[in-house]
Amino acid sequence: DYSPHPPICTVPEEQKEKIMEIAMRAGHILLENGAEISRVEETIDRICRHYGIESANSFVLSNGIFSTMGNERESFFARVQHIPVSGARLNRVAAVNQLSREIEEGKHTVEELGRCLDDIEQMPGKRKGVQIGASAVGAGVLLSAGGDLADSAAAFLSGLVLYVYILYIGKNLSKLVQNILGGALVTFCCVVLY
């Protein structure tokens, strides 16, 4: 539920910049871990609105956040953050969403929020074996899309090989080179298996 809520508490002027930093950090975690842009903007707005920051504005792109605050009643703040997308970690997205709900319920002080975000950033991801298996199974469901068992097995193997490449070899390459070589690898696997 992302309906607008009136400010529940207001913070002293000297803490508003800290709230903006916290809101941007929450947005950073969301965007970095696969949340959609509208969710990132809404979460930043919710946090600012809860603490009575009236002039906060955020503009979110797929790889960056632009946030500003300031008017005749509030000090000025402007930040731009580049955020490299590192993959979907929906457990972190869910944790930030829960934290934003708890903020609106008044369960955390401003000082606690930094520690909460630290804990969320340190949440472990899925083990590599689970990621590889999920990639293989996801690719292998070709059987339900009109392929036969041999097509499904080929897709399963290609998905497995691709994710092994992504986790162990491609991680040290630029995203562009990683994607080009990954596409070539899958194409090679499919041609060989065909």
Protein backbone atom coordinates (compact mmCIF):
# COMPACT_ATOMS: atom_id res chain seq x y z
CA ASP A 1 0.00 0.00 0.00
CA TYR A 2 1.72 3.17 -1.22
CA SER A 3 -1.06 5.63 -0.46
CA PRO A 4 0.06 9.08 0.73
CA HIS A 5 0.40 9.52 4.47
CA PRO A 6 0.70 12.81 6.34
CA PRO A 7 3.96 13.46 8.20
CA ILE A 8 3.94 11.63 11.51
CA CYS A 9 6.94 13.28 13.03
CA THR A 10 9.14 16.17 12.18
CA VAL A 11 12.85 16.33 12.73
CA PRO A 12 14.99 19.34 13.56
CA GLU A 13 16.37 21.22 10.58
CA GLU A 14 19.89 19.90 11.20
CA GLN A 15 18.66 16.28 10.85
CA LYS A 16 16.83 16.73 7.55
CA GLU A 17 19.98 16.24 5.50
CA LYS A 18 20.63 13.00 7.41
CA ILE A 19 17.08 11.84 6.61
CA MET A 20 17.66 12.60 2.93
CA GLU A 21 20.88 10.58 3.03
CA ILE A 22 19.02 7.68 4.67
CA ALA A 23 16.21 7.88 2.12
CA MET A 24 18.73 7.86 -0.74
CA ARG A 25 20.57 4.94 0.81
CA ALA A 26 17.32 2.97 1.06
CA GLY A 27 16.62 3.82 -2.58
CA HIS A 28 20.15 2.79 -3.51
CA ILE A 29 19.69 -0.65 -1.91
CA LEU A 30 16.35 -1.10 -3.65
CA LEU A 31 17.57 -0.11 -7.12
CA GLU A 32 20.83 -2.04 -6.83
CA ASN A 33 18.95 -5.20 -5.91
CA GLY A 34 16.34 -5.21 -8.64
CA ALA A 35 13.41 -3.12 -7.39
CA GLU A 36 11.34 -1.28 -9.97
CA ILE A 37 11.85 2.48 -10.35
CA SER A 38 8.41 3.43 -9.04
CA ARG A 39 9.04 1.49 -5.82
CA VAL A 40 12.36 3.28 -5.30
CA GLU A 41 10.80 6.72 -5.79
CA GLU A 42 7.85 5.87 -3.54
CA THR A 43 10.08 4.58 -0.75
CA ILE A 44 12.25 7.70 -0.80
CA ASP A 45 9.10 9.87 -0.76
CA ARG A 46 7.58 7.86 2.11
CA ILE A 47 10.64 8.23 4.31
CA CYS A 48 10.92 11.98 3.62
CA ARG A 49 7.20 12.55 4.09
CA HIS A 50 7.19 10.67 7.40
CA TYR A 51 9.83 13.01 8.80
CA GLY A 52 8.07 16.11 7.52
CA ILE A 53 10.43 16.98 4.68
CA GLU A 54 8.07 18.84 2.35
CA SER A 55 10.42 19.85 -0.45
CA ALA A 56 12.03 16.47 -1.20
CA ASN A 57 12.11 15.45 -4.85
CA SER A 58 13.65 12.34 -6.32
CA PHE A 59 14.14 11.28 -9.89
CA VAL A 60 15.15 7.67 -10.39
CA LEU A 61 16.59 6.06 -13.51
CA SER A 62 17.54 2.43 -13.99
CA ASN A 63 21.08 3.18 -12.83
CA GLY A 64 20.91 6.38 -10.80
CA ILE A 65 19.09 8.49 -8.24
CA PHE A 66 18.84 12.29 -8.23
CA SER A 67 17.49 13.79 -5.00
CA THR A 68 16.94 17.38 -3.95
CA MET A 69 15.45 19.22 -1.01
CA GLY A 70 15.14 22.87 -0.22
CA ASN A 71 12.87 25.88 -0.08
CA GLU A 72 12.47 28.99 2.06
CA ARG A 73 11.70 26.80 5.13
CA GLU A 74 14.16 23.95 4.56
CA SER A 75 17.89 23.84 3.87
CA PHE A 76 19.13 22.85 0.45
CA PHE A 77 20.32 19.36 -0.39
CA ALA A 78 21.23 17.82 -3.73
CA ARG A 79 22.78 14.44 -4.46
CA VAL A 80 23.29 12.26 -7.51
CA GLN A 81 24.23 8.61 -7.15
CA HIS A 82 25.26 6.21 -9.89
CA ILE A 83 24.02 2.75 -9.01
CA PRO A 84 25.37 -0.27 -10.86
CA VAL A 85 22.74 -2.99 -11.01
CA SER A 86 24.24 -6.11 -9.49
CA GLY A 87 21.35 -8.54 -9.87
CA ALA A 88 18.08 -9.26 -8.17
CA ARG A 89 18.25 -9.89 -4.44
CA LEU A 90 14.61 -9.70 -3.57
CA ASN A 91 15.21 -10.48 0.11
CA ARG A 92 16.92 -7.09 0.41
CA VAL A 93 14.12 -5.37 -1.50
CA ALA A 94 11.55 -6.94 0.84
CA ALA A 95 13.61 -5.91 3.89
CA VAL A 96 13.78 -2.25 2.77
CA ASN A 97 10.04 -2.29 2.06
CA GLN A 98 9.41 -3.63 5.55
CA LEU A 99 11.73 -1.00 7.03
CA SER A 100 9.83 1.79 5.24
CA ARG A 101 6.57 0.47 6.71
CA GLU A 102 8.15 0.38 10.16
CA ILE A 103 9.40 3.94 9.69
CA GLU A 104 5.84 5.06 8.97
CA GLU A 105 4.68 3.25 12.11
CA GLY A 106 7.29 5.15 14.14
CA LYS A 107 9.22 2.04 15.19
CA HIS A 108 12.72 3.44 14.53
CA THR A 109 14.66 6.50 15.55
CA VAL A 110 16.79 8.34 13.02
CA GLU A 111 19.90 6.92 14.70
CA GLU A 112 18.65 3.33 14.33
CA LEU A 113 17.95 3.64 10.61
CA GLY A 114 21.62 3.59 9.59
CA ARG A 115 22.17 0.35 11.51
CA CYS A 116 19.04 -1.17 9.98
CA LEU A 117 20.29 -0.35 6.47
CA ASP A 118 23.73 -1.79 7.35
CA ASP A 119 22.04 -5.06 8.35
CA ILE A 120 20.05 -5.14 5.11
CA GLU A 121 23.16 -4.53 2.99
CA GLN A 122 24.91 -7.43 4.72
CA MET A 123 22.09 -9.92 4.14
CA PRO A 124 23.56 -12.94 2.40
CA GLY A 125 22.51 -13.75 -1.12
CA LYS A 126 21.66 -17.18 -2.44
CA ARG A 127 24.48 -19.71 -2.53
CA LYS A 128 26.17 -20.05 -5.91
CA GLY A 129 24.99 -23.63 -6.33
CA VAL A 130 21.38 -22.53 -5.85
CA GLN A 131 21.83 -19.71 -8.39
CA ILE A 132 23.32 -22.08 -10.96
CA GLY A 133 20.56 -24.62 -10.39
CA ALA A 134 17.85 -21.99 -10.70
CA SER A 135 19.35 -20.72 -13.94
CA ALA A 136 19.51 -24.24 -15.38
CA VAL A 137 15.94 -25.07 -14.35
CA GLY A 138 14.66 -21.72 -15.60
CA ALA A 139 16.25 -22.28 -18.98
CA GLY A 140 15.14 -25.91 -19.04
CA VAL A 141 11.42 -25.19 -18.80
CA LEU A 142 11.50 -24.87 -22.57
CA LEU A 143 9.62 -28.19 -22.49
CA SER A 144 6.47 -26.32 -21.47
CA ALA A 145 6.93 -23.81 -24.32
CA GLY A 146 6.49 -26.38 -27.08
CA GLY A 147 9.90 -28.02 -27.11
CA ASP A 148 10.57 -31.69 -26.59
CA LEU A 149 12.66 -33.36 -23.88
CA ALA A 150 15.90 -33.02 -25.90
CA ASP A 151 15.29 -29.26 -26.34
CA SER A 152 14.65 -28.94 -22.64
CA ALA A 153 17.86 -30.81 -21.78
CA ALA A 154 19.87 -28.60 -24.15
CA ALA A 155 18.39 -25.46 -22.65
CA PHE A 156 19.02 -26.79 -19.12
CA LEU A 157 22.69 -27.40 -19.93
CA SER A 158 23.07 -24.03 -21.68
CA GLY A 159 21.54 -22.21 -18.70
CA LEU A 160 23.86 -24.07 -16.34
CA VAL A 161 26.98 -23.26 -18.41
CA LEU A 162 25.95 -19.61 -18.77
CA TYR A 163 25.50 -19.07 -15.04
CA VAL A 164 28.78 -20.79 -14.21
CA TYR A 165 30.39 -18.36 -16.67
CA ILE A 166 28.60 -15.37 -15.10
CA LEU A 167 29.59 -16.28 -11.53
CA TYR A 168 33.18 -17.34 -12.08
CA ILE A 169 34.55 -15.85 -15.30
CA GLY A 170 32.33 -12.94 -16.37
CA LYS A 171 32.34 -11.24 -12.96
CA ASN A 172 35.77 -9.72 -13.70
CA LEU A 173 34.71 -8.26 -17.05
CA SER A 174 32.82 -5.11 -17.92
CA LYS A 175 29.07 -5.58 -18.26
CA LEU A 176 29.21 -5.07 -22.03
CA VAL A 177 31.96 -7.64 -22.57
CA GLN A 178 30.30 -10.01 -20.10
CA ASN A 179 27.01 -9.84 -22.04
CA ILE A 180 28.65 -10.26 -25.45
CA LEU A 181 30.74 -13.25 -24.34
CA GLY A 182 27.79 -14.76 -22.45
CA GLY A 183 25.62 -14.53 -25.56
CA ALA A 184 28.38 -16.10 -27.64
CA LEU A 185 28.80 -18.90 -25.10
CA VAL A 186 25.09 -19.74 -25.08
CA THR A 187 24.99 -19.59 -28.87
CA PHE A 188 27.96 -21.94 -29.06
CA CYS A 189 26.35 -24.38 -26.60
CA CYS A 190 23.08 -24.36 -28.51
CA VAL A 191 24.80 -24.92 -31.89
CA VAL A 192 26.88 -27.79 -30.50
CA LEU A 193 23.88 -29.38 -28.78
CA TYR A 194 21.72 -28.95 -31.89
